[in-house]
Amino acid sequence: MTDAQPMIRVKQLTKHLPVTHGLLGRSAGVIHAVDQVPFDILAGETLGLVGESGCGKFPLGRTILQLYRPTAGQVFFGKVDLATLNGPALGHMRQQLQIIFQDPFSSLNPRKKVGDIIAEPHVVHSLGNVRQRRERVLELLYLVGLRAQFADRFPHEFSGGQRQRIGVARALVSGPRFVVCDEPISALDVSIQAQIINLLKELQQRLQLTYLFFAHDLSIVHHVSDRLLVMYLGRAVELAPRAALYAQPRHPNTKALLSAIPEPDPVQKRQRTRVVLKGGIPNPTRPPAWCRFHTRCPIAEDMCVRHEPEWREVDPGHWVACHKI
């Protein structure tokens, strides 16, 4: 990490997604996608975001970038609350906030050449002239390990790993400081995943980038992250430095996630206690009251269905939302 100052500060961020039905789009409720989530992302670090499918990773990342406008809460980039910006002011800030999408096959326009795809943020933000844009495209192609002549080809001429490198180049062309990595390797072959991870780490050091990294594979998150945030059903349940969270997880949901990581060593596998949760994730349109994890928690008590667990620091830098900790 380059320093210890927060680049992103999220304060009680909430995003409810409407559910509609019928031809007229009548309201049928809301999905509690993100609910009162607080955390900071330090400049130069990688914050890993993990949780089961449906925990809120996808809408959280997009709400931070203001691709989804928040229902409530604040998102500070430096001293600026992004939630209060609109129009040109928000567009100007987005030069420094970018995203690498999960699917390299659907996130690239098949009708455009690679050079035009990478240069598009420059065009949108009116940066440079035609010659400067071309030079910037060639520079980014070199940085992500592709040849200059690839700029004149179309996306269908590339493999999945090469397409993701193009997506990385597009995200970096405007010179961002903060990048959301939305499961950038999940659609790739295992043999290619390590290459993209190493590329992202190399670019982070060279360009002094800050990442918010989503992934389902906890071993990959462990490899790339400085700290990890665990979410469940729209709520933050644990935040800690990587070593502390893997060595001593506190929240029952975190323990269950970590116990599901495959262990190749048969001796250690026999010594490890597997935490199996009962039931499935509740309906996000009607989440359980108070502690949302209590319907599946192996240590739940009466207070868990009567009071909201406090988000508190149990060790330096280690935050947990649980009555039993």
C-alpha atoms as a PDB file:
ATOM      1  CA  MET A   1       0.000   0.000   0.000  1.00  0.00           C
ATOM      2  CA  THR A   2       1.237   3.462  -0.842  1.00  0.00           C
ATOM      3  CA  ASP A   3      -0.143   5.163   2.278  1.00  0.00           C
ATOM      4  CA  ALA A   4      -2.729   4.717   5.003  1.00  0.00           C
ATOM      5  CA  GLN A   5      -5.219   7.396   3.927  1.00  0.00           C
ATOM      6  CA  PRO A   6      -8.706   6.315   2.818  1.00  0.00           C
ATOM      7  CA  MET A   7      -9.356   6.866  -0.870  1.00  0.00           C
ATOM      8  CA  ILE A   8     -12.947   5.595  -0.688  1.00  0.00           C
ATOM      9  CA  ARG A   9     -15.123   6.032   2.398  1.00  0.00           C
ATOM     10  CA  VAL A  10     -18.493   4.311   2.374  1.00  0.00           C
ATOM     11  CA  LYS A  11     -20.889   5.446   5.092  1.00  0.00           C
ATOM     12  CA  GLN A  12     -24.096   3.490   5.733  1.00  0.00           C
ATOM     13  CA  LEU A  13     -24.495   2.854   2.005  1.00  0.00           C
ATOM     14  CA  THR A  14     -27.909   1.495   1.045  1.00  0.00           C
ATOM     15  CA  LYS A  15     -29.280   0.419  -2.318  1.00  0.00           C
ATOM     16  CA  HIS A  16     -32.761  -1.028  -2.769  1.00  0.00           C
ATOM     17  CA  LEU A  17     -33.597  -2.380  -6.225  1.00  0.00           C
ATOM     18  CA  PRO A  18     -37.270  -2.213  -7.264  1.00  0.00           C
ATOM     19  CA  VAL A  19     -39.150  -5.379  -8.185  1.00  0.00           C
ATOM     20  CA  THR A  20     -41.899  -4.901 -10.748  1.00  0.00           C
ATOM     21  CA  HIS A  21     -44.485  -7.141 -12.412  1.00  0.00           C
ATOM     22  CA  GLY A  22     -46.983  -6.907 -15.232  1.00  0.00           C
ATOM     23  CA  LEU A  23     -46.919  -4.912 -18.451  1.00  0.00           C
ATOM     24  CA  LEU A  24     -47.292  -1.647 -16.572  1.00  0.00           C
ATOM     25  CA  GLY A  25     -44.359  -2.386 -14.299  1.00  0.00           C
ATOM     26  CA  ARG A  26     -46.311  -2.189 -11.053  1.00  0.00           C
ATOM     27  CA  SER A  27     -44.185  -2.247  -7.922  1.00  0.00           C
ATOM     28  CA  ALA A  28     -43.997  -5.594  -6.160  1.00  0.00           C
ATOM     29  CA  GLY A  29     -41.486  -4.590  -3.494  1.00  0.00           C
ATOM     30  CA  VAL A  30     -37.769  -3.939  -3.305  1.00  0.00           C
ATOM     31  CA  ILE A  31     -34.636  -6.083  -3.066  1.00  0.00           C
ATOM     32  CA  HIS A  32     -32.455  -5.082  -0.130  1.00  0.00           C
ATOM     33  CA  ALA A  33     -29.299  -5.416  -2.216  1.00  0.00           C
ATOM     34  CA  VAL A  34     -27.046  -3.247  -0.012  1.00  0.00           C
ATOM     35  CA  ASP A  35     -28.107  -2.184   3.475  1.00  0.00           C
ATOM     36  CA  GLN A  36     -26.202   0.293   5.675  1.00  0.00           C
ATOM     37  CA  VAL A  37     -22.721  -0.911   4.689  1.00  0.00           C
ATOM     38  CA  PRO A  38     -19.751   1.006   6.213  1.00  0.00           C
ATOM     39  CA  PHE A  39     -16.086   0.605   5.236  1.00  0.00           C
ATOM     40  CA  ASP A  40     -13.013   2.422   3.911  1.00  0.00           C
ATOM     41  CA  ILE A  41     -10.640   1.508   1.081  1.00  0.00           C
ATOM     42  CA  LEU A  42      -7.114   2.743   1.669  1.00  0.00           C
ATOM     43  CA  ALA A  43      -5.107   4.316  -1.126  1.00  0.00           C
ATOM     44  CA  GLY A  44      -2.943   1.717  -2.874  1.00  0.00           C
ATOM     45  CA  GLU A  45      -4.559  -1.348  -1.318  1.00  0.00           C
ATOM     46  CA  THR A  46      -6.720  -4.141  -2.682  1.00  0.00           C
ATOM     47  CA  LEU A  47      -9.892  -4.718  -0.692  1.00  0.00           C
ATOM     48  CA  GLY A  48     -11.315  -8.156  -1.405  1.00  0.00           C
ATOM     49  CA  LEU A  49     -15.106  -8.473  -1.282  1.00  0.00           C
ATOM     50  CA  VAL A  50     -16.455 -11.974  -0.691  1.00  0.00           C
ATOM     51  CA  GLY A  51     -19.723 -13.666   0.119  1.00  0.00           C
ATOM     52  CA  GLU A  52     -22.254 -16.125  -1.217  1.00  0.00           C
ATOM     53  CA  SER A  53     -24.121 -15.426  -4.437  1.00  0.00           C
ATOM     54  CA  GLY A  54     -26.756 -12.806  -3.711  1.00  0.00           C
ATOM     55  CA  CYS A  55     -24.848 -11.181  -0.848  1.00  0.00           C
ATOM     56  CA  GLY A  56     -24.696  -7.790  -2.616  1.00  0.00           C
ATOM     57  CA  LYS A  57     -21.212  -7.639  -4.171  1.00  0.00           C
ATOM     58  CA  PHE A  58     -22.450  -6.701  -7.640  1.00  0.00           C
ATOM     59  CA  PRO A  59     -24.766  -3.812  -6.619  1.00  0.00           C
ATOM     60  CA  LEU A  60     -22.288  -2.536  -4.024  1.00  0.00           C
ATOM     61  CA  GLY A  61     -19.565  -2.050  -6.624  1.00  0.00           C
ATOM     62  CA  ARG A  62     -21.902  -0.323  -9.021  1.00  0.00           C
ATOM     63  CA  THR A  63     -23.355   1.909  -6.338  1.00  0.00           C
ATOM     64  CA  ILE A  64     -19.872   3.050  -5.324  1.00  0.00           C
ATOM     65  CA  LEU A  65     -19.253   3.998  -8.974  1.00  0.00           C
ATOM     66  CA  GLN A  66     -22.703   5.645  -9.130  1.00  0.00           C
ATOM     67  CA  LEU A  67     -23.809   3.346 -11.926  1.00  0.00           C
ATOM     68  CA  TYR A  68     -26.599   2.666  -9.435  1.00  0.00           C
ATOM     69  CA  ARG A  69     -27.628   5.744  -7.496  1.00  0.00           C
ATOM     70  CA  PRO A  70     -27.758   4.995  -3.754  1.00  0.00           C
ATOM     71  CA  THR A  71     -31.030   4.831  -1.874  1.00  0.00           C
ATOM     72  CA  ALA A  72     -29.259   6.269   1.178  1.00  0.00           C
ATOM     73  CA  GLY A  73     -25.783   6.761   2.568  1.00  0.00           C
ATOM     74  CA  GLN A  74     -22.615   8.418   1.308  1.00  0.00           C
ATOM     75  CA  VAL A  75     -19.677   7.452  -0.916  1.00  0.00           C
ATOM     76  CA  PHE A  76     -16.680   9.736  -0.485  1.00  0.00           C
ATOM     77  CA  PHE A  77     -13.896   9.767  -3.056  1.00  0.00           C
ATOM     78  CA  GLY A  78     -11.341  11.826  -1.200  1.00  0.00           C
ATOM     79  CA  LYS A  79     -13.431  14.676   0.205  1.00  0.00           C
ATOM     80  CA  VAL A  80     -16.150  14.533  -2.469  1.00  0.00           C
ATOM     81  CA  ASP A  81     -19.434  12.719  -1.816  1.00  0.00           C
ATOM     82  CA  LEU A  82     -20.133  11.052  -5.161  1.00  0.00           C
ATOM     83  CA  ALA A  83     -23.786  10.548  -4.228  1.00  0.00           C
ATOM     84  CA  THR A  84     -24.346  14.321  -4.397  1.00  0.00           C
ATOM     85  CA  LEU A  85     -22.888  14.738  -7.906  1.00  0.00           C
ATOM     86  CA  ASN A  86     -24.787  14.773 -11.186  1.00  0.00           C
ATOM     87  CA  GLY A  87     -24.191  15.581 -14.830  1.00  0.00           C
ATOM     88  CA  PRO A  88     -20.789  16.969 -15.853  1.00  0.00           C
ATOM     89  CA  ALA A  89     -19.451  16.994 -12.273  1.00  0.00           C
ATOM     90  CA  LEU A  90     -20.072  13.257 -11.898  1.00  0.00           C
ATOM     91  CA  GLY A  91     -18.774  12.581 -15.405  1.00  0.00           C
ATOM     92  CA  HIS A  92     -15.531  14.375 -14.574  1.00  0.00           C
ATOM     93  CA  MET A  93     -15.043  12.265 -11.425  1.00  0.00           C
ATOM     94  CA  ARG A  94     -15.639   9.060 -13.391  1.00  0.00           C
ATOM     95  CA  GLN A  95     -12.343   9.543 -15.194  1.00  0.00           C
ATOM     96  CA  GLN A  96     -10.749   8.414 -11.926  1.00  0.00           C
ATOM     97  CA  LEU A  97     -13.238   5.612 -11.186  1.00  0.00           C
ATOM     98  CA  GLN A  98     -13.348   2.650 -13.557  1.00  0.00           C
ATOM     99  CA  ILE A  99     -14.476  -0.966 -13.702  1.00  0.00           C
ATOM    100  CA  ILE A 100     -13.171  -4.215 -15.201  1.00  0.00           C
ATOM    101  CA  PHE A 101     -16.153  -6.376 -16.105  1.00  0.00           C
ATOM    102  CA  GLN A 102     -16.582 -10.049 -15.380  1.00  0.00           C
ATOM    103  CA  ASP A 103     -17.308 -11.339 -18.884  1.00  0.00           C
ATOM    104  CA  PRO A 104     -14.687 -10.443 -21.511  1.00  0.00           C
ATOM    105  CA  PHE A 105     -16.927 -11.860 -24.248  1.00  0.00           C
ATOM    106  CA  SER A 106     -20.007  -9.667 -23.767  1.00  0.00           C
ATOM    107  CA  SER A 107     -18.325  -6.513 -22.414  1.00  0.00           C
ATOM    108  CA  LEU A 108     -16.561  -5.665 -25.705  1.00  0.00           C
ATOM    109  CA  ASN A 109     -18.509  -4.240 -28.647  1.00  0.00           C
ATOM    110  CA  PRO A 110     -18.121  -6.797 -31.476  1.00  0.00           C
ATOM    111  CA  ARG A 111     -18.678  -4.098 -34.122  1.00  0.00           C
ATOM    112  CA  LYS A 112     -15.741  -1.945 -33.049  1.00  0.00           C
ATOM    113  CA  LYS A 113     -12.039  -2.435 -33.482  1.00  0.00           C
ATOM    114  CA  VAL A 114      -9.948  -2.915 -30.356  1.00  0.00           C
ATOM    115  CA  GLY A 115      -8.302   0.496 -30.707  1.00  0.00           C
ATOM    116  CA  ASP A 116     -11.694   2.219 -30.782  1.00  0.00           C
ATOM    117  CA  ILE A 117     -12.903   0.195 -27.778  1.00  0.00           C
ATOM    118  CA  ILE A 118      -9.908   1.161 -25.670  1.00  0.00           C
ATOM    119  CA  ALA A 119     -10.057   4.814 -26.778  1.00  0.00           C
ATOM    120  CA  GLU A 120     -13.781   5.181 -26.062  1.00  0.00           C
ATOM    121  CA  PRO A 121     -13.327   6.642 -22.539  1.00  0.00           C
ATOM    122  CA  HIS A 122     -11.068   9.298 -24.073  1.00  0.00           C
ATOM    123  CA  VAL A 123     -13.789  10.127 -26.576  1.00  0.00           C
ATOM    124  CA  VAL A 124     -16.515  10.229 -23.915  1.00  0.00           C
ATOM    125  CA  HIS A 125     -14.479  12.571 -21.706  1.00  0.00           C
ATOM    126  CA  SER A 126     -13.110  14.586 -24.666  1.00  0.00           C
ATOM    127  CA  LEU A 127      -9.498  13.855 -23.773  1.00  0.00           C
ATOM    128  CA  GLY A 128      -6.787  14.566 -26.347  1.00  0.00           C
ATOM    129  CA  ASN A 129      -6.916  14.621 -30.116  1.00  0.00           C
ATOM    130  CA  VAL A 130      -6.952  11.703 -32.557  1.00  0.00           C
ATOM    131  CA  ARG A 131      -3.153  11.304 -32.561  1.00  0.00           C
ATOM    132  CA  GLN A 132      -2.905  11.480 -28.754  1.00  0.00           C
ATOM    133  CA  ARG A 133      -5.667   8.918 -28.377  1.00  0.00           C
ATOM    134  CA  ARG A 134      -3.905   6.548 -30.752  1.00  0.00           C
ATOM    135  CA  GLU A 135      -0.644   6.915 -28.846  1.00  0.00           C
ATOM    136  CA  ARG A 136      -2.443   6.252 -25.564  1.00  0.00           C
ATOM    137  CA  VAL A 137      -4.091   3.125 -26.986  1.00  0.00           C
ATOM    138  CA  LEU A 138      -0.751   1.718 -28.145  1.00  0.00           C
ATOM    139  CA  GLU A 139       0.784   2.520 -24.752  1.00  0.00           C
ATOM    140  CA  LEU A 140      -1.977   0.635 -22.936  1.00  0.00           C
ATOM    141  CA  LEU A 141      -1.752  -2.337 -25.282  1.00  0.00           C
ATOM    142  CA  TYR A 142       1.941  -2.606 -24.432  1.00  0.00           C
ATOM    143  CA  LEU A 143       1.229  -2.317 -20.701  1.00  0.00           C
ATOM    144  CA  VAL A 144      -1.263  -5.189 -20.753  1.00  0.00           C
ATOM    145  CA  GLY A 145       0.999  -7.413 -22.847  1.00  0.00           C
ATOM    146  CA  LEU A 146      -0.592  -7.118 -26.303  1.00  0.00           C
ATOM    147  CA  ARG A 147       0.899  -6.129 -29.635  1.00  0.00           C
ATOM    148  CA  ALA A 148       0.358  -2.703 -31.221  1.00  0.00           C
ATOM    149  CA  GLN A 149      -1.138  -4.208 -34.401  1.00  0.00           C
ATOM    150  CA  PHE A 150      -3.973  -5.706 -32.328  1.00  0.00           C
ATOM    151  CA  ALA A 151      -5.533  -2.234 -32.247  1.00  0.00           C
ATOM    152  CA  ASP A 152      -6.879  -2.762 -35.767  1.00  0.00           C
ATOM    153  CA  ARG A 153      -8.520  -6.114 -35.094  1.00  0.00           C
ATOM    154  CA  PHE A 154     -11.988  -7.028 -33.807  1.00  0.00           C
ATOM    155  CA  PRO A 155     -12.767  -8.724 -30.443  1.00  0.00           C
ATOM    156  CA  HIS A 156     -13.809 -12.043 -32.029  1.00  0.00           C
ATOM    157  CA  GLU A 157     -10.216 -12.531 -33.213  1.00  0.00           C
ATOM    158  CA  PHE A 158      -8.928 -12.886 -29.628  1.00  0.00           C
ATOM    159  CA  SER A 159      -9.004 -15.514 -26.898  1.00  0.00           C
ATOM    160  CA  GLY A 160     -10.771 -14.949 -23.588  1.00  0.00           C
ATOM    161  CA  GLY A 161      -7.570 -13.992 -21.803  1.00  0.00           C
ATOM    162  CA  GLN A 162      -6.630 -11.516 -24.531  1.00  0.00           C
ATOM    163  CA  ARG A 163     -10.110  -9.987 -24.429  1.00  0.00           C
ATOM    164  CA  GLN A 164      -9.821  -9.478 -20.701  1.00  0.00           C
ATOM    165  CA  ARG A 165      -6.492  -7.719 -21.240  1.00  0.00           C
ATOM    166  CA  ILE A 166      -8.309  -5.431 -23.666  1.00  0.00           C
ATOM    167  CA  GLY A 167     -10.921  -4.783 -20.966  1.00  0.00           C
ATOM    168  CA  VAL A 168      -8.154  -3.922 -18.514  1.00  0.00           C
ATOM    169  CA  ALA A 169      -6.618  -1.514 -21.031  1.00  0.00           C
ATOM    170  CA  ARG A 170      -9.974   0.178 -21.574  1.00  0.00           C
ATOM    171  CA  ALA A 171     -10.437   0.625 -17.825  1.00  0.00           C
ATOM    172  CA  LEU A 172      -7.013   2.242 -17.470  1.00  0.00           C
ATOM    173  CA  VAL A 173      -6.962   4.510 -20.520  1.00  0.00           C
ATOM    174  CA  SER A 174      -8.400   7.553 -18.698  1.00  0.00           C
ATOM    175  CA  GLY A 175      -5.823   7.295 -15.909  1.00  0.00           C
ATOM    176  CA  PRO A 176      -8.068   6.182 -13.012  1.00  0.00           C
ATOM    177  CA  ARG A 177      -6.975   5.946  -9.400  1.00  0.00           C
ATOM    178  CA  PHE A 178      -9.675   3.487  -8.269  1.00  0.00           C
ATOM    179  CA  VAL A 179     -10.780   0.360 -10.162  1.00  0.00           C
ATOM    180  CA  VAL A 180     -13.583  -2.068  -9.348  1.00  0.00           C
ATOM    181  CA  CYS A 181     -12.579  -5.578 -10.450  1.00  0.00           C
ATOM    182  CA  ASP A 182     -15.902  -7.372 -10.895  1.00  0.00           C
ATOM    183  CA  GLU A 183     -14.822 -11.028 -10.799  1.00  0.00           C
ATOM    184  CA  PRO A 184     -12.383 -10.359 -13.670  1.00  0.00           C
ATOM    185  CA  ILE A 185     -11.127 -13.948 -13.918  1.00  0.00           C
ATOM    186  CA  SER A 186     -14.212 -16.081 -13.265  1.00  0.00           C
ATOM    187  CA  ALA A 187     -14.989 -16.490 -16.996  1.00  0.00           C
ATOM    188  CA  LEU A 188     -11.422 -17.524 -17.863  1.00  0.00           C
ATOM    189  CA  ASP A 189      -9.622 -20.855 -17.971  1.00  0.00           C
ATOM    190  CA  VAL A 190      -7.642 -21.686 -14.847  1.00  0.00           C
ATOM    191  CA  SER A 191      -4.395 -21.530 -16.814  1.00  0.00           C
ATOM    192  CA  ILE A 192      -5.167 -17.920 -17.810  1.00  0.00           C
ATOM    193  CA  GLN A 193      -6.437 -16.724 -14.436  1.00  0.00           C
ATOM    194  CA  ALA A 194      -2.968 -16.509 -12.887  1.00  0.00           C
ATOM    195  CA  GLN A 195      -1.733 -14.410 -15.803  1.00  0.00           C
ATOM    196  CA  ILE A 196      -4.522 -11.846 -15.369  1.00  0.00           C
ATOM    197  CA  ILE A 197      -4.035 -11.739 -11.593  1.00  0.00           C
ATOM    198  CA  ASN A 198      -0.313 -11.124 -12.003  1.00  0.00           C
ATOM    199  CA  LEU A 199      -1.030  -8.448 -14.603  1.00  0.00           C
ATOM    200  CA  LEU A 200      -3.421  -6.638 -12.255  1.00  0.00           C
ATOM    201  CA  LYS A 201      -0.882  -6.719  -9.418  1.00  0.00           C
ATOM    202  CA  GLU A 202       1.887  -5.459 -11.693  1.00  0.00           C
ATOM    203  CA  LEU A 203      -0.289  -2.611 -12.985  1.00  0.00           C
ATOM    204  CA  GLN A 204      -1.297  -1.706  -9.441  1.00  0.00           C
ATOM    205  CA  GLN A 205       2.317  -1.227  -8.430  1.00  0.00           C
ATOM    206  CA  ARG A 206       3.305   0.594 -11.618  1.00  0.00           C
ATOM    207  CA  LEU A 207       0.292   2.939 -11.773  1.00  0.00           C
ATOM    208  CA  GLN A 208      -0.420   3.224  -8.015  1.00  0.00           C
ATOM    209  CA  LEU A 209      -3.957   1.889  -8.355  1.00  0.00           C
ATOM    210  CA  THR A 210      -6.487   1.044  -5.669  1.00  0.00           C
ATOM    211  CA  TYR A 211      -8.703  -2.016  -6.227  1.00  0.00           C
ATOM    212  CA  LEU A 212     -12.023  -3.312  -4.976  1.00  0.00           C
ATOM    213  CA  PHE A 213     -11.815  -6.971  -5.996  1.00  0.00           C
ATOM    214  CA  PHE A 214     -14.769  -9.384  -6.158  1.00  0.00           C
ATOM    215  CA  ALA A 215     -14.347 -13.140  -6.477  1.00  0.00           C
ATOM    216  CA  HIS A 216     -16.000 -16.388  -5.459  1.00  0.00           C
ATOM    217  CA  ASP A 217     -12.676 -18.214  -5.176  1.00  0.00           C
ATOM    218  CA  LEU A 218     -11.419 -17.396  -1.683  1.00  0.00           C
ATOM    219  CA  SER A 219      -7.928 -18.698  -2.439  1.00  0.00           C
ATOM    220  CA  ILE A 220      -7.596 -16.081  -5.190  1.00  0.00           C
ATOM    221  CA  VAL A 221      -8.943 -13.341  -2.931  1.00  0.00           C
ATOM    222  CA  HIS A 222      -6.372 -14.365  -0.324  1.00  0.00           C
ATOM    223  CA  HIS A 223      -3.628 -14.047  -2.926  1.00  0.00           C
ATOM    224  CA  VAL A 224      -4.526 -10.572  -4.205  1.00  0.00           C
ATOM    225  CA  SER A 225      -6.089  -8.744  -1.234  1.00  0.00           C
ATOM    226  CA  ASP A 226      -4.653  -6.707   1.624  1.00  0.00           C
ATOM    227  CA  ARG A 227      -7.931  -6.722   3.557  1.00  0.00           C
ATOM    228  CA  LEU A 228     -11.221  -8.564   3.097  1.00  0.00           C
ATOM    229  CA  LEU A 229     -14.828  -7.532   3.562  1.00  0.00           C
ATOM    230  CA  VAL A 230     -17.376 -10.326   4.021  1.00  0.00           C
ATOM    231  CA  MET A 231     -21.015  -9.638   3.139  1.00  0.00           C
ATOM    232  CA  TYR A 232     -24.216 -11.540   3.754  1.00  0.00           C
ATOM    233  CA  LEU A 233     -27.619 -10.607   2.319  1.00  0.00           C
ATOM    234  CA  GLY A 234     -26.694  -6.982   1.739  1.00  0.00           C
ATOM    235  CA  ARG A 235     -24.965  -6.427   5.087  1.00  0.00           C
ATOM    236  CA  ALA A 236     -21.289  -6.264   6.050  1.00  0.00           C
ATOM    237  CA  VAL A 237     -20.532  -8.966   8.628  1.00  0.00           C
ATOM    238  CA  GLU A 238     -16.722  -8.890   8.926  1.00  0.00           C
ATOM    239  CA  LEU A 239     -13.792  -6.750   7.800  1.00  0.00           C
ATOM    240  CA  ALA A 240     -10.176  -7.584   8.614  1.00  0.00           C
ATOM    241  CA  PRO A 241      -6.621  -7.735   7.299  1.00  0.00           C
ATOM    242  CA  ARG A 242      -6.061 -10.805   5.152  1.00  0.00           C
ATOM    243  CA  ALA A 243      -3.852 -12.698   7.588  1.00  0.00           C
ATOM    244  CA  ALA A 244      -6.121 -12.049  10.581  1.00  0.00           C
ATOM    245  CA  LEU A 245      -9.286 -13.065   8.779  1.00  0.00           C
ATOM    246  CA  TYR A 246      -7.885 -16.343   7.443  1.00  0.00           C
ATOM    247  CA  ALA A 247      -6.097 -17.211  10.687  1.00  0.00           C
ATOM    248  CA  GLN A 248      -8.873 -16.230  13.098  1.00  0.00           C
ATOM    249  CA  PRO A 249     -12.256 -15.598  11.460  1.00  0.00           C
ATOM    250  CA  ARG A 250     -14.797 -14.287  13.963  1.00  0.00           C
ATOM    251  CA  HIS A 251     -18.204 -14.264  12.271  1.00  0.00           C
ATOM    252  CA  PRO A 252     -19.956 -17.643  11.764  1.00  0.00           C
ATOM    253  CA  ASN A 253     -20.597 -16.846   8.117  1.00  0.00           C
ATOM    254  CA  THR A 254     -16.909 -16.161   7.519  1.00  0.00           C
ATOM    255  CA  LYS A 255     -16.003 -19.435   9.226  1.00  0.00           C
ATOM    256  CA  ALA A 256     -18.408 -21.309   6.974  1.00  0.00           C
ATOM    257  CA  LEU A 257     -16.996 -19.682   3.825  1.00  0.00           C
ATOM    258  CA  LEU A 258     -13.398 -20.448   4.778  1.00  0.00           C
ATOM    259  CA  SER A 259     -14.191 -24.030   5.760  1.00  0.00           C
ATOM    260  CA  ALA A 260     -15.533 -24.628   2.245  1.00  0.00           C
ATOM    261  CA  ILE A 261     -12.134 -23.932   0.637  1.00  0.00           C
ATOM    262  CA  PRO A 262     -10.779 -27.235  -0.761  1.00  0.00           C
ATOM    263  CA  GLU A 263      -7.801 -28.555   1.203  1.00  0.00           C
ATOM    264  CA  PRO A 264      -5.377 -30.680  -0.878  1.00  0.00           C
ATOM    265  CA  ASP A 265      -3.453 -31.965   2.152  1.00  0.00           C
ATOM    266  CA  PRO A 266      -5.399 -35.003   3.505  1.00  0.00           C
ATOM    267  CA  VAL A 267      -3.891 -34.640   6.995  1.00  0.00           C
ATOM    268  CA  GLN A 268      -4.936 -31.008   7.348  1.00  0.00           C
ATOM    269  CA  LYS A 269      -8.295 -31.816   5.774  1.00  0.00           C
ATOM    270  CA  ARG A 270      -9.031 -34.369   8.521  1.00  0.00           C
ATOM    271  CA  GLN A 271      -7.995 -31.889  11.205  1.00  0.00           C
ATOM    272  CA  ARG A 272     -10.197 -29.098   9.884  1.00  0.00           C
ATOM    273  CA  THR A 273     -13.738 -28.670  11.172  1.00  0.00           C
ATOM    274  CA  ARG A 274     -16.258 -28.140   8.397  1.00  0.00           C
ATOM    275  CA  VAL A 275     -18.973 -25.562   9.167  1.00  0.00           C
ATOM    276  CA  VAL A 276     -22.165 -26.511   7.342  1.00  0.00           C
ATOM    277  CA  LEU A 277     -24.933 -23.932   7.309  1.00  0.00           C
ATOM    278  CA  LYS A 278     -28.559 -24.989   7.407  1.00  0.00           C
ATOM    279  CA  GLY A 279     -31.070 -23.815   4.835  1.00  0.00           C
ATOM    280  CA  GLY A 280     -30.472 -21.308   2.068  1.00  0.00           C
ATOM    281  CA  ILE A 281     -30.196 -17.539   1.715  1.00  0.00           C
ATOM    282  CA  PRO A 282     -33.558 -15.933   2.607  1.00  0.00           C
ATOM    283  CA  ASN A 283     -35.589 -13.914   0.120  1.00  0.00           C
ATOM    284  CA  PRO A 284     -33.807 -10.535  -0.290  1.00  0.00           C
ATOM    285  CA  THR A 285     -37.165  -8.780  -0.706  1.00  0.00           C
ATOM    286  CA  ARG A 286     -38.117  -9.918   2.808  1.00  0.00           C
ATOM    287  CA  PRO A 287     -34.822 -10.325   4.708  1.00  0.00           C
ATOM    288  CA  PRO A 288     -34.908 -11.550   8.324  1.00  0.00           C
ATOM    289  CA  ALA A 289     -35.310  -8.828  10.922  1.00  0.00           C
ATOM    290  CA  TRP A 290     -32.372  -7.722  13.065  1.00  0.00           C
ATOM    291  CA  CYS A 291     -29.455 -10.109  12.499  1.00  0.00           C
ATOM    292  CA  ARG A 292     -29.956 -11.355   8.949  1.00  0.00           C
ATOM    293  CA  PHE A 293     -27.783 -14.396   9.493  1.00  0.00           C
ATOM    294  CA  HIS A 294     -29.730 -15.788  12.444  1.00  0.00           C
ATOM    295  CA  THR A 295     -31.885 -18.139  10.314  1.00  0.00           C
ATOM    296  CA  ARG A 296     -28.762 -20.103   9.334  1.00  0.00           C
ATOM    297  CA  CYS A 297     -26.393 -19.368  12.203  1.00  0.00           C
ATOM    298  CA  PRO A 298     -25.213 -22.338  14.298  1.00  0.00           C
ATOM    299  CA  ILE A 299     -24.731 -20.157  17.415  1.00  0.00           C
ATOM    300  CA  ALA A 300     -27.831 -17.913  17.182  1.00  0.00           C
ATOM    301  CA  GLU A 301     -29.605 -16.945  20.422  1.00  0.00           C
ATOM    302  CA  ASP A 302     -32.753 -15.051  21.357  1.00  0.00           C
ATOM    303  CA  MET A 303     -31.020 -11.663  21.198  1.00  0.00           C
ATOM    304  CA  CYS A 304     -30.186 -12.277  17.537  1.00  0.00           C
ATOM    305  CA  VAL A 305     -33.880 -12.008  16.611  1.00  0.00           C
ATOM    306  CA  ARG A 306     -34.478  -9.001  18.867  1.00  0.00           C
ATOM    307  CA  HIS A 307     -31.546  -6.673  18.347  1.00  0.00           C
ATOM    308  CA  GLU A 308     -29.373  -5.500  15.489  1.00  0.00           C
ATOM    309  CA  PRO A 309     -25.729  -6.601  15.949  1.00  0.00           C
ATOM    310  CA  GLU A 310     -23.390  -3.648  16.341  1.00  0.00           C
ATOM    311  CA  TRP A 311     -20.616  -3.094  13.770  1.00  0.00           C
ATOM    312  CA  ARG A 312     -17.662  -2.896  16.137  1.00  0.00           C
ATOM    313  CA  GLU A 313     -13.894  -3.211  16.186  1.00  0.00           C
ATOM    314  CA  VAL A 314     -12.940  -6.322  18.178  1.00  0.00           C
ATOM    315  CA  ASP A 315      -9.208  -6.104  17.389  1.00  0.00           C
ATOM    316  CA  PRO A 316      -7.194  -3.343  15.705  1.00  0.00           C
ATOM    317  CA  GLY A 317      -8.526  -3.178  12.156  1.00  0.00           C
ATOM    318  CA  HIS A 318     -10.825  -6.186  12.691  1.00  0.00           C
ATOM    319  CA  TRP A 319     -14.550  -5.334  12.515  1.00  0.00           C
ATOM    320  CA  VAL A 320     -17.429  -7.746  13.136  1.00  0.00           C
ATOM    321  CA  ALA A 321     -21.221  -7.516  13.318  1.00  0.00           C
ATOM    322  CA  CYS A 322     -22.176 -10.305  15.744  1.00  0.00           C
ATOM    323  CA  HIS A 323     -23.677 -10.428  19.246  1.00  0.00           C
ATOM    324  CA  LYS A 324     -21.573 -13.454  20.222  1.00  0.00           C
ATOM    325  CA  ILE A 325     -18.152 -11.961  19.466  1.00  0.00           C
END
